Protein backbone atom coordinates (compact mmCIF):
# COMPACT_ATOMS: atom_id res chain seq x y z
CA UNK A 1 -2.69 -22.48 7.09
CA UNK A 2 0.22 -21.75 5.59
CA UNK A 3 0.22 -17.93 5.14
CA UNK A 4 2.24 -18.04 1.87
CA UNK A 5 0.53 -19.80 -0.45
CA UNK A 6 -2.98 -17.95 1.21
CA UNK A 7 -1.48 -14.40 0.12
CA UNK A 8 -0.13 -16.08 -3.34
CA UNK A 9 -4.01 -17.22 -3.98
CA UNK A 10 -5.14 -13.65 -2.56
CA UNK A 11 -2.54 -12.01 -4.49
CA UNK A 12 -3.62 -13.81 -8.40
CA UNK A 13 -7.69 -13.99 -7.09
CA UNK A 14 -6.83 -10.03 -7.24
CA UNK A 15 -5.17 -10.05 -10.62
CA UNK A 16 -8.29 -11.46 -12.67
CA UNK A 17 -7.64 -9.65 -15.81
CA UNK A 18 -4.16 -10.73 -16.44
CA UNK A 19 -5.32 -14.46 -15.39
CA UNK A 20 -8.46 -13.80 -17.95
CA UNK A 21 -5.98 -12.52 -20.47
CA UNK A 22 -3.62 -15.31 -20.16
CA UNK A 23 -6.51 -17.82 -20.93
CA UNK A 24 -7.81 -16.23 -23.41
CA UNK A 25 -4.78 -16.38 -25.63
CA UNK A 26 -3.92 -19.98 -24.60
CA UNK A 27 -7.06 -20.96 -26.20
CA UNK A 28 -6.69 -19.12 -29.16
CA UNK A 29 -3.23 -20.31 -29.84
CA UNK A 30 -4.33 -23.25 -29.38
CA UNK A 31 -7.11 -22.99 -31.82
CA UNK A 32 -4.81 -21.78 -34.11
CA UNK A 33 -2.81 -24.88 -33.76
CA UNK A 34 -5.21 -27.48 -34.42
CA UNK A 35 -6.28 -25.35 -37.81
CA UNK A 36 -3.37 -26.25 -39.58
CA UNK A 37 -3.73 -30.22 -39.30
CA UNK A 38 -7.10 -29.49 -40.39
CA UNK A 39 -6.00 -27.34 -43.05
CA UNK A 40 -3.48 -30.17 -44.52
CA UNK A 41 -6.48 -32.76 -44.72
CA UNK A 42 -8.58 -31.21 -46.75
CA UNK A 43 -6.37 -29.89 -49.26
CA UNK A 44 -4.56 -33.51 -50.04
CA UNK A 45 -7.84 -35.13 -49.32
CA UNK A 46 -10.24 -32.68 -51.09
CA UNK A 47 -8.88 -29.44 -52.79
CA UNK A 48 -6.00 -30.86 -54.66
CA UNK A 49 -7.75 -34.05 -56.09
CA UNK A 50 -10.53 -31.79 -57.62
CA UNK A 51 -7.82 -29.29 -58.95
CA UNK A 52 -9.23 -26.13 -56.71
CA UNK A 53 -6.52 -23.96 -57.96
CA UNK A 54 -8.01 -20.80 -56.19
CA UNK A 55 -8.99 -22.82 -52.99
CA UNK A 56 -5.22 -24.04 -53.17
CA UNK A 57 -3.52 -20.91 -53.36
CA UNK A 58 -5.90 -19.40 -50.58
CA UNK A 59 -4.39 -22.62 -48.47
CA UNK A 60 -1.25 -22.53 -49.22
CA UNK A 61 -1.62 -18.53 -47.92
CA UNK A 62 -3.11 -19.82 -44.49
CA UNK A 63 -0.08 -22.66 -43.74
CA UNK A 64 1.99 -19.45 -44.32
CA UNK A 65 0.21 -17.45 -42.17
CA UNK A 66 -0.43 -19.58 -39.30
CA UNK A 67 3.06 -20.40 -37.53
CA UNK A 68 2.78 -16.37 -37.60
CA UNK A 69 -0.10 -15.92 -36.04
CA UNK A 70 1.01 -18.50 -33.48
CA UNK A 71 4.27 -16.99 -32.95
CA UNK A 72 2.35 -13.82 -32.30
CA UNK A 73 -0.29 -14.93 -29.84
CA UNK A 74 2.35 -16.80 -27.89
CA UNK A 75 4.33 -14.11 -27.33
CA UNK A 76 1.46 -11.63 -26.03
CA UNK A 77 0.86 -14.60 -23.56
CA UNK A 78 4.35 -14.59 -22.65
CA UNK A 79 3.68 -10.69 -21.93
CA UNK A 80 0.96 -11.26 -19.32
CA UNK A 81 3.35 -14.38 -17.83
CA UNK A 82 5.77 -11.87 -16.89
CA UNK A 83 3.42 -9.21 -16.44
CA UNK A 84 1.89 -11.36 -13.50
CA UNK A 85 5.17 -12.70 -12.04
CA UNK A 86 5.64 -9.13 -11.67
CA UNK A 87 2.83 -8.22 -10.08
CA UNK A 88 2.97 -11.08 -7.96
CA UNK A 89 6.49 -10.36 -7.03
CA UNK A 90 5.57 -7.08 -6.50
CA UNK A 91 2.72 -7.29 -4.15
CA UNK A 92 4.24 -10.57 -2.37
CA UNK A 93 7.14 -8.02 -1.52
CA UNK A 94 5.55 -5.36 -0.74
CA UNK A 95 3.33 -7.37 1.90
CA UNK A 96 6.33 -8.86 3.37
CA UNK A 97 8.49 -5.61 3.65
CA UNK A 98 4.37 -4.36 5.59
CA UNK A 99 4.78 -7.21 8.10
CA UNK A 100 8.37 -6.10 8.81
CA UNK A 101 7.90 -2.50 9.41
CA UNK A 102 4.98 -4.05 12.14
CA UNK A 103 7.49 -6.77 13.50
CA UNK A 104 8.95 -5.78 16.97
CA UNK A 105 13.00 -5.01 16.55
CA UNK A 106 14.15 -8.18 18.52
CA UNK A 107 12.14 -10.60 16.79
CA UNK A 108 13.69 -9.27 13.07
CA UNK A 109 16.78 -9.78 14.80
CA UNK A 110 15.85 -13.44 15.46
CA UNK A 111 16.12 -14.44 11.49
CA UNK A 112 18.69 -11.71 10.86
CA UNK A 113 18.53 -8.21 8.59
CA UNK A 114 20.49 -10.17 5.81
CA UNK A 115 18.56 -12.92 5.52
CA UNK A 116 15.74 -10.90 5.60
CA UNK A 117 16.40 -8.98 2.75
CA UNK A 118 17.43 -12.56 0.70
CA UNK A 119 13.95 -13.70 1.20
CA UNK A 120 12.10 -10.71 0.55
CA UNK A 121 14.15 -9.69 -2.91
CA UNK A 122 16.08 -13.20 -4.17
CA UNK A 123 13.75 -15.90 -2.84
CA UNK A 124 10.39 -14.11 -3.93
CA UNK A 125 11.71 -13.54 -7.12
CA UNK A 126 12.66 -17.33 -7.77
CA UNK A 127 9.63 -18.23 -5.85
CA UNK A 128 7.30 -15.70 -8.24
CA UNK A 129 9.20 -16.21 -11.49
CA UNK A 130 10.90 -20.16 -11.41
CA UNK A 131 8.16 -21.75 -9.79
CA UNK A 132 4.97 -20.12 -10.25
CA UNK A 133 5.35 -18.85 -14.00
CA UNK A 134 7.55 -20.93 -15.50
CA UNK A 135 6.03 -23.99 -13.99
CA UNK A 136 2.62 -23.45 -13.03
CA UNK A 137 1.71 -21.13 -16.17
CA UNK A 138 3.48 -23.73 -18.78
CA UNK A 139 1.56 -26.27 -17.19
CA UNK A 140 -1.24 -24.68 -17.81
CA UNK A 141 -0.17 -23.98 -21.19
CA UNK A 142 0.05 -27.22 -22.16
CA UNK A 143 -2.49 -28.56 -20.74
CA UNK A 144 -5.00 -26.21 -23.02
CA UNK A 145 -3.20 -26.81 -26.10
CA UNK A 146 -2.94 -30.95 -25.10
CA UNK A 147 -6.92 -30.78 -24.96
CA UNK A 148 -6.97 -29.14 -28.41
CA UNK A 149 -4.76 -31.44 -30.13
CA UNK A 150 -6.22 -34.27 -28.89
CA UNK A 151 -9.84 -33.06 -29.91
CA UNK A 152 -8.64 -32.23 -33.38
CA UNK A 153 -7.17 -36.11 -33.57
CA UNK A 154 -9.85 -37.92 -32.29
CA UNK A 155 -11.85 -36.15 -34.93
CA UNK A 156 -9.92 -37.28 -37.45
CA UNK A 157 -9.03 -41.05 -36.21
CA UNK A 158 -9.62 -42.34 -33.13
CA UNK A 159 -7.54 -45.72 -33.79
CA UNK A 160 -4.28 -43.80 -34.36
CA UNK A 161 -5.08 -41.14 -32.34
CA UNK A 162 -4.77 -44.14 -29.11
CA UNK A 163 -2.12 -45.48 -30.56
CA UNK A 164 -0.32 -42.50 -30.89
CA UNK A 165 -1.05 -41.40 -26.87
CA UNK A 166 -0.42 -45.32 -25.66
CA UNK A 167 3.20 -45.75 -27.49
CA UNK A 168 4.62 -42.55 -26.39
CA UNK A 169 4.41 -43.90 -22.32
CA UNK A 170 5.08 -47.56 -23.53
CA UNK A 171 8.72 -46.41 -25.11
CA UNK A 172 9.53 -44.01 -22.58
CA UNK A 173 8.90 -46.92 -20.11
CA UNK A 174 10.76 -49.30 -22.15
CA UNK A 175 13.62 -47.23 -22.64
CA UNK A 176 14.30 -46.64 -19.37
CA UNK A 177 14.22 -50.07 -18.24
CA UNK A 178 16.46 -50.69 -21.07
CA UNK A 179 19.10 -47.73 -19.68
CA UNK A 180 18.56 -49.42 -15.94
CA UNK A 181 19.20 -52.72 -17.44
CA UNK A 182 22.58 -51.37 -19.75
CA UNK A 183 23.63 -49.86 -16.18
CA UNK A 184 25.12 -53.07 -14.99
CA UNK A 185 27.32 -53.84 -17.96
CA UNK A 186 31.39 -52.68 -18.15
CA UNK A 187 31.58 -49.25 -18.22
CA UNK A 188 33.23 -48.71 -21.83
CA UNK A 189 30.65 -50.75 -23.31
CA UNK A 190 27.84 -49.17 -20.88
CA UNK A 191 29.26 -45.87 -22.11
CA UNK A 192 29.11 -46.96 -26.14
CA UNK A 193 25.61 -47.70 -25.56
CA UNK A 194 24.68 -45.01 -23.76
CA UNK A 195 26.18 -43.29 -26.73
CA UNK A 196 24.09 -44.56 -29.48
CA UNK A 197 20.90 -44.46 -27.30
CA UNK A 198 21.27 -40.93 -27.14
CA UNK A 199 21.89 -40.30 -30.61
CA UNK A 200 19.03 -42.00 -31.37
CA UNK A 201 15.74 -39.91 -31.28
CA UNK A 202 13.02 -41.54 -29.08
CA UNK A 203 10.28 -39.18 -30.21
CA UNK A 204 11.15 -39.83 -33.73
CA UNK A 205 11.39 -43.69 -33.12
CA UNK A 206 7.45 -43.43 -32.20
CA UNK A 207 6.69 -41.21 -34.68
CA UNK A 208 7.90 -43.78 -37.56
CA UNK A 209 5.72 -46.52 -35.50
CA UNK A 210 2.87 -44.42 -36.10
CA UNK A 211 3.61 -43.61 -39.45
CA UNK A 212 3.68 -47.47 -40.28
CA UNK A 213 0.81 -47.91 -38.65
CA UNK A 214 -1.33 -44.99 -40.15
CA UNK A 215 0.30 -46.63 -43.60
CA UNK A 216 -1.47 -49.93 -42.26
CA UNK A 217 -4.63 -47.91 -41.84
CA UNK A 218 -4.83 -46.24 -45.15
CA UNK A 219 -4.46 -49.73 -47.04
CA UNK A 220 -7.00 -51.07 -44.54
CA UNK A 221 -9.40 -48.12 -46.18
CA UNK A 222 -9.87 -47.04 -42.15
CA UNK A 223 -7.93 -43.26 -43.06
CA UNK A 224 -7.36 -41.02 -46.17
CA UNK A 225 -4.00 -39.68 -47.11
CA UNK A 226 -4.94 -35.80 -45.69
CA UNK A 227 -5.14 -37.66 -42.47
CA UNK A 228 -1.77 -39.44 -42.60
CA UNK A 229 -0.44 -35.96 -43.31
CA UNK A 230 -2.18 -34.36 -41.14
CA UNK A 231 -1.40 -36.44 -38.43
CA UNK A 232 2.25 -36.00 -39.48
CA UNK A 233 2.08 -31.86 -39.02
CA UNK A 234 0.81 -32.53 -35.49
CA UNK A 235 2.64 -36.09 -33.92
CA UNK A 236 5.80 -34.11 -32.83
CA UNK A 237 3.55 -31.16 -31.51
CA UNK A 238 1.43 -33.82 -29.35
CA UNK A 239 5.05 -35.43 -28.53
CA UNK A 240 6.37 -32.45 -27.52
CA UNK A 241 3.49 -31.43 -25.29
CA UNK A 242 3.71 -34.84 -23.84
CA UNK A 243 7.38 -34.56 -23.05
CA UNK A 244 7.07 -30.77 -21.54
CA UNK A 245 4.74 -32.51 -18.95
CA UNK A 246 5.92 -35.70 -18.15
CA UNK A 247 9.73 -34.19 -17.94
CA UNK A 248 8.69 -30.94 -16.27
CA UNK A 249 11.75 -30.52 -13.50
CA UNK A 250 9.63 -29.03 -10.33
CA UNK A 251 11.92 -28.83 -7.21
CA UNK A 252 9.67 -29.25 -4.78
CA UNK A 253 12.27 -29.46 -2.07
CA UNK A 254 14.02 -25.81 -2.73
CA UNK A 255 10.27 -24.62 -3.09
CA UNK A 256 9.30 -25.67 0.43
CA UNK A 257 12.49 -24.37 1.91
CA UNK A 258 11.52 -20.60 0.10
CA UNK A 259 8.21 -20.88 1.07
CA UNK A 260 8.82 -22.00 4.76
CA UNK A 261 11.76 -18.84 4.65
CA UNK A 262 8.49 -16.75 3.89
CA UNK A 263 6.11 -18.30 6.46
CA UNK A 264 8.97 -17.31 9.21
CA UNK A 265 8.40 -13.72 8.13
CA UNK A 266 4.94 -13.59 7.78
CA UNK A 267 4.68 -15.39 11.36
CA UNK A 268 6.46 -13.15 13.00
CA UNK A 269 4.92 -11.14 16.17
CA UNK A 270 3.68 -8.11 15.14
CA UNK A 271 3.00 -4.91 17.02
CA UNK A 272 -0.48 -4.68 18.21
CA UNK A 273 -2.45 -1.63 17.73
CA UNK A 274 -5.37 -0.20 19.29
CA UNK A 275 -8.65 1.21 17.60
CA UNK A 276 -8.97 4.53 19.66
CA UNK A 277 -7.84 8.04 17.94
CA UNK A 278 -6.10 10.49 19.84
CA UNK A 279 -7.40 13.90 20.56
CA UNK A 280 -6.22 16.46 18.14
CA UNK A 281 -8.08 19.55 19.50
CA UNK A 282 -5.68 19.27 22.76
CA UNK A 283 -2.18 18.51 23.48
CA UNK A 284 -1.37 15.80 26.09
CA UNK A 285 -0.27 15.09 29.36
CA UNK A 286 2.59 12.94 28.50
CA UNK A 287 3.52 10.19 31.46
CA UNK A 288 6.00 7.73 31.26
CA UNK A 289 5.55 4.79 34.31
CA UNK A 290 8.24 2.43 35.60
CA UNK A 291 9.27 2.49 31.96
CA UNK A 292 12.32 -0.02 31.46
CA UNK A 293 13.85 -1.22 28.07
CA UNK A 294 16.86 -3.25 27.42
CA UNK A 295 18.28 -4.09 23.74
CA UNK A 296 19.55 -6.91 25.06
CA UNK A 297 20.99 -9.27 27.77
CA UNK A 298 24.39 -8.15 27.92
CA UNK A 299 24.24 -5.37 25.46
CA UNK A 300 24.40 -1.41 25.66
CA UNK A 301 22.07 0.49 28.11
CA UNK A 302 18.38 1.30 27.01
CA UNK A 303 16.72 2.96 29.51
CA UNK A 304 15.63 1.67 33.29
CA UNK A 305 12.97 2.13 36.04
CA UNK A 306 11.82 5.34 33.74
CA UNK A 307 9.08 7.78 35.55
CA UNK A 308 8.20 10.77 34.16
CA UNK A 309 5.29 13.39 33.80
CA UNK A 310 6.00 15.87 30.82
CA UNK A 311 3.28 19.12 31.02
CA UNK A 312 1.49 19.95 27.83
CA UNK A 313 2.80 22.57 25.50
CA UNK A 314 6.16 22.09 27.78
CA UNK A 315 9.64 22.38 25.98
CA UNK A 316 12.18 20.09 27.37
CA UNK A 317 15.66 19.36 26.60
CA UNK A 318 17.35 15.71 26.77
CA UNK A 319 21.06 16.17 27.60
CA UNK A 320 23.29 12.79 27.86
CA UNK A 321 26.63 10.99 26.95
CA UNK A 322 26.23 8.95 23.79
CA UNK A 323 24.67 5.73 24.46
CA UNK A 324 22.75 6.75 27.31
CA UNK A 325 19.29 5.71 26.20
CA UNK A 326 17.94 9.43 24.86
CA UNK A 327 16.68 7.92 21.74
CA UNK A 328 15.60 5.10 23.01
CA UNK A 329 12.80 7.18 25.09
CA UNK A 330 11.77 8.74 21.80
CA UNK A 331 11.33 5.24 20.14
CA UNK A 332 9.31 3.78 22.87
CA UNK A 333 7.15 7.03 23.16
CA UNK A 334 6.77 6.42 18.72
CA UNK A 335 6.49 2.53 19.52
CA UNK A 336 9.02 1.70 17.17
CA UNK A 337 9.78 -0.46 20.41
CA UNK A 338 8.23 -1.38 23.17
CA UNK A 339 8.77 -1.28 26.74
CA UNK A 340 9.55 -4.54 28.80
CA UNK A 341 7.88 -2.83 31.69
CA UNK A 342 5.73 -0.10 32.43
CA UNK A 343 3.70 1.91 30.39
CA UNK A 344 3.69 5.13 28.68
CA UNK A 345 0.19 7.31 28.44
CA UNK A 346 -1.21 10.49 26.74
CA UNK A 347 -4.08 12.10 28.95
CA UNK A 348 -4.15 9.18 31.18
CA UNK A 349 -4.38 6.40 28.23
CA UNK A 350 -1.83 3.71 27.53
CA UNK A 351 -0.46 4.55 23.87
CA UNK A 352 -1.21 0.64 22.99
CA UNK A 353 -4.99 1.38 23.44
CA UNK A 354 -3.95 4.02 20.13
CA UNK A 355 -4.34 3.44 16.47
CA UNK A 356 -0.09 3.24 15.73
CA UNK A 357 -0.45 4.94 12.83
CA UNK A 358 -3.07 8.13 14.30
CA UNK A 359 0.30 7.55 17.21
CA UNK A 360 2.39 8.71 14.79
CA UNK A 361 0.88 11.36 13.38
CA UNK A 362 -0.37 12.19 16.62
CA UNK A 363 3.53 12.41 17.65
CA UNK A 364 5.83 13.71 15.13
CA UNK A 365 9.08 12.47 14.76
CA UNK A 366 12.71 13.46 13.23
CA UNK A 367 14.85 11.10 14.11
CA UNK A 368 19.26 11.77 14.07
CA UNK A 369 19.36 9.52 10.87
CA UNK A 370 16.63 10.35 8.76
CA UNK A 371 15.72 9.05 5.24
CA UNK A 372 15.42 11.21 2.12
CA UNK A 373 14.23 9.18 -0.97
CA UNK A 374 15.44 9.87 -4.46
CA UNK A 375 12.56 12.27 -5.76
CA UNK A 376 12.00 15.91 -5.63
CA UNK A 377 12.49 18.00 -2.08
CA UNK A 378 8.74 18.69 -2.17
CA UNK A 379 8.12 15.01 -2.54
CA UNK A 380 10.37 14.50 0.46
CA UNK A 381 8.36 16.98 2.60
CA UNK A 382 4.72 16.21 2.10
CA UNK A 383 6.05 11.98 2.37
CA UNK A 384 3.91 10.10 3.10
CA UNK A 385 1.20 12.32 0.54
CA UNK A 386 2.13 12.56 -2.92
CA UNK A 387 2.00 15.45 -5.02
CA UNK A 388 -1.59 14.37 -6.14
CA UNK A 389 -3.01 14.10 -3.19
CA UNK A 390 -2.62 17.41 -2.06
CA UNK A 391 -5.41 19.31 -1.18
CA UNK A 392 -6.10 23.30 -0.31
CA UNK A 393 -5.73 22.46 3.44
CA UNK A 394 -2.23 20.49 3.18
CA UNK A 395 -0.91 22.96 1.07
CA UNK A 396 -1.41 25.50 3.85
CA UNK A 397 0.33 22.81 6.11
CA UNK A 398 3.15 22.71 3.76
CA UNK A 399 3.55 26.32 3.49
CA UNK A 400 3.77 26.41 7.20
CA UNK A 401 6.15 23.50 7.71
CA UNK A 402 8.66 25.02 5.42
CA UNK A 403 8.44 28.41 6.28
CA UNK A 404 8.93 27.03 10.37
CA UNK A 405 11.73 24.89 9.52
CA UNK A 406 13.25 28.09 7.79
CA UNK A 407 13.26 25.39 4.02
CA UNK A 408 12.59 28.77 1.68
CA UNK A 409 15.96 30.00 2.46
CA UNK A 410 17.69 27.54 0.06
CA UNK A 411 15.58 25.97 -2.10
CA UNK A 412 14.23 29.45 -3.64
CA UNK A 413 18.17 29.43 -4.49
CA UNK A 414 17.73 26.78 -6.49
CA UNK A 415 16.80 27.18 -10.37
CA UNK A 416 14.52 23.75 -9.82
CA UNK A 417 13.67 24.72 -6.52
CA UNK A 418 11.42 21.70 -4.97
CA UNK A 419 11.30 20.47 -8.14
CA UNK A 420 14.89 19.10 -7.63
CA UNK A 421 15.91 15.69 -7.23
CA UNK A 422 17.26 14.06 -4.57
CA UNK A 423 20.39 11.76 -5.34
CA UNK A 424 20.78 8.95 -3.29
CA UNK A 425 21.26 9.53 0.75
CA UNK A 426 21.11 13.56 0.06
CA UNK A 427 24.19 13.36 -1.70
CA UNK A 428 23.29 16.49 -3.55
CA UNK A 429 22.44 18.61 -0.10
CA UNK A 430 24.30 19.60 2.88
CA UNK A 431 23.65 18.27 5.92
CA UNK A 432 22.36 21.27 7.17
CA UNK A 433 20.11 21.40 4.26
CA UNK A 434 18.49 17.76 5.06
CA UNK A 435 18.39 18.38 8.65
CA UNK A 436 15.80 21.60 7.81
CA UNK A 437 14.00 19.38 5.19
CA UNK A 438 13.12 16.43 7.79
CA UNK A 439 12.08 19.37 10.18
CA UNK A 440 9.85 20.17 7.63
CA UNK A 441 8.08 17.04 7.24
CA UNK A 442 8.10 16.33 10.54
CA UNK A 443 6.11 19.79 10.86
CA UNK A 444 4.01 18.76 8.02
CA UNK A 445 1.48 15.96 10.08
CA UNK A 446 0.90 18.97 12.53
CA UNK A 447 1.55 16.83 15.48
CA UNK A 448 0.62 17.57 19.58
CA UNK A 449 3.62 16.26 20.31
CA UNK A 450 7.11 16.77 18.41
CA UNK A 451 10.22 14.94 19.51
CA UNK A 452 13.47 16.34 17.39
CA UNK A 453 16.28 14.16 18.02
CA UNK A 454 19.87 15.81 17.24
CA UNK A 455 18.11 18.15 14.66
CA UNK A 456 20.61 21.30 14.73
CA UNK A 457 23.90 19.22 14.16
CA UNK A 458 24.69 20.05 11.01
CA UNK A 459 23.61 23.64 11.45
CA UNK A 460 25.36 27.25 11.34
CA UNK A 461 24.83 29.07 14.46
CA UNK A 462 22.21 31.35 13.19
CA UNK A 463 20.23 28.53 11.45
CA UNK A 464 20.65 27.17 14.58
CA UNK A 465 19.33 30.55 16.54
CA UNK A 466 16.46 31.09 13.57
CA UNK A 467 15.29 27.56 14.61
CA UNK A 468 15.51 27.41 18.11
CA UNK A 469 13.13 31.13 17.63
CA UNK A 470 10.70 28.63 15.55
CA UNK A 471 10.83 26.17 18.76
CA UNK A 472 9.88 29.00 21.44
CA UNK A 473 7.11 30.02 19.27
CA UNK A 474 5.56 26.43 18.99
CA UNK A 475 5.56 26.50 22.84
CA UNK A 476 2.45 26.15 24.56
CA UNK A 477 0.98 24.99 20.94
CA UNK A 478 2.70 21.79 20.96
CA UNK A 479 4.85 19.29 23.73
CA UNK A 480 8.58 19.58 22.16
CA UNK A 481 10.65 16.78 23.04
CA UNK A 482 14.44 17.85 21.65
CA UNK A 483 17.43 15.83 22.11
CA UNK A 484 20.92 17.66 21.75
CA UNK A 485 24.67 17.39 22.46
CA UNK A 486 25.15 21.38 22.00
CA UNK A 487 23.46 22.51 25.02
CA UNK A 488 22.39 25.69 23.04
CA UNK A 489 19.68 24.34 21.26
CA UNK A 490 18.15 23.80 24.64
CA UNK A 491 19.22 26.67 26.90
CA UNK A 492 15.23 27.86 26.53
CA UNK A 493 14.00 25.11 27.51
CA UNK A 494 11.20 24.50 30.36
CA UNK A 495 13.20 21.57 31.39
CA UNK A 496 16.09 19.51 31.02
CA UNK A 497 16.62 15.89 31.83
CA UNK A 498 19.91 14.74 31.94
CA UNK A 499 20.05 10.84 31.26
CA UNK A 500 23.20 8.66 32.14
CA UNK A 501 23.05 4.52 31.30
CA UNK A 502 19.27 4.75 31.07
CA UNK A 503 18.41 6.47 34.13
CA UNK A 504 17.24 10.28 34.83
CA UNK A 505 19.76 11.46 37.36
CA UNK A 506 18.95 15.50 36.78
CA UNK A 507 15.90 17.32 35.94
CA UNK A 508 15.01 20.93 36.26
CA UNK A 509 15.72 24.18 34.76
CA UNK A 510 18.91 25.17 32.47
CA UNK A 511 19.44 27.66 36.01
CA UNK A 512 18.50 25.10 38.80
CA UNK A 513 20.76 22.67 36.72
CA UNK A 514 23.85 25.04 36.96
CA UNK A 515 23.18 25.80 40.51
CA UNK A 516 23.34 22.18 41.38
CA UNK A 517 26.95 21.99 39.49
CA UNK A 518 26.27 17.97 38.90
CA UNK A 519 26.47 16.57 35.28
CA UNK A 520 24.96 18.91 33.40
CA UNK A 521 26.65 21.96 34.86
CA UNK A 522 30.11 20.10 33.57
CA UNK A 523 28.62 19.62 29.82
CA UNK A 524 27.93 23.23 29.63
CA UNK A 525 31.42 24.09 31.31
CA UNK A 526 33.08 21.85 28.62
CA UNK A 527 31.14 23.58 25.76
CA UNK A 528 31.85 26.79 26.40
CA UNK A 529 34.17 28.73 23.81
């Protein structure tokens, strides 16, 4: 099974409207193209000999309009071809990107992030626009036009049509044989001869042969002069179709490489999802049992043999030096990465048994480096919801979230308020404003467990104090896990975990840890003014 081919077929099967429109306009264009030679035949066989001036003038008008109509139909066909190409590339990219999001980071690294970006952008574009649209759809258009052209030719003269069909491949074969033989000549003579052959137009030669045979058939009374004129119109078109079909250059090896590259992405091992929904009506007991994770065999520390029980509604601070493994804990709980050993449970149920999307709503996470989109502040807070999808309940959650995150205090001072557009990476906002928007987004899902990673690092002391009061008001209603380098952020925590080199080296209340005069005590002393 080839997953890329299967996916393309699936997307095309969902694009029936566009495919039908392409087919209709191709058939209409083919029909219009067949009318012109028939008009010539009637004009010279019947209309002009009978001196039907009015009818002749009408036919001439039609002969002028037909190329215009044909060009318009081809333009519409090209429009729908482009629409199909855009639809195909967009959906293929979305599916590939969705698969990457569900893939283990280690597996993504096995290909390389740069290569994956190249494949999803450049290579998908080449596959859809060059191979599928420019090649496949061109074959369809030419095939329909060929059927219509041959039908009208056979209806006028079977003999002349067979002569026209057979002459093209025979002459092409003869020319190729002649070229292959002349290549053995001296380079100078071969060059002169090759230029002469290129100067001659093979299509014109074939057409001349057919015209000569047509005159013979006229003299024998087998065809009319009008039929000859109709063939004069139609033969260049027929040979152009033949030339397009026979000289169609499909770089199969390149297309195979691209398809195999996309298959590599689609076949990456995905993070599995359970089918159990968490209980939103209760705050769970969070347990980590002998959990270990390393980013690479000889790379930085992850966490090692991590065992922990966090009681429902507790406020837990997590502190330690940079690179000690603090953020790894959150990524494991949120299932961005999977532990090498051990198990993480909520109320005794392994998080791997829970539906991964429900888990990530149940456990809110505001990462150290959050993402803001080039949309309004409102859109960034309610993400992944859209404004038009908001209900009375979600608007109520929005009001609560912006109040808890103290977003109103700076947004209401802006002329556009929540409609203000966020520039690239939030360049038109301060660091503190960005952090509060991201915090409001985390509050929007009303999670039972809230994980905040360095959420006050860019805040002033007064705003930090206000947000600390917010977290204190949530104690008991949610389990709150906070990673902090500024220890004032977690001074009111029930429990503080001190992490060093992927292990818990100290654990207890702030007062208990100060009495121990260990690593936490030293960190507090360093931060004293």
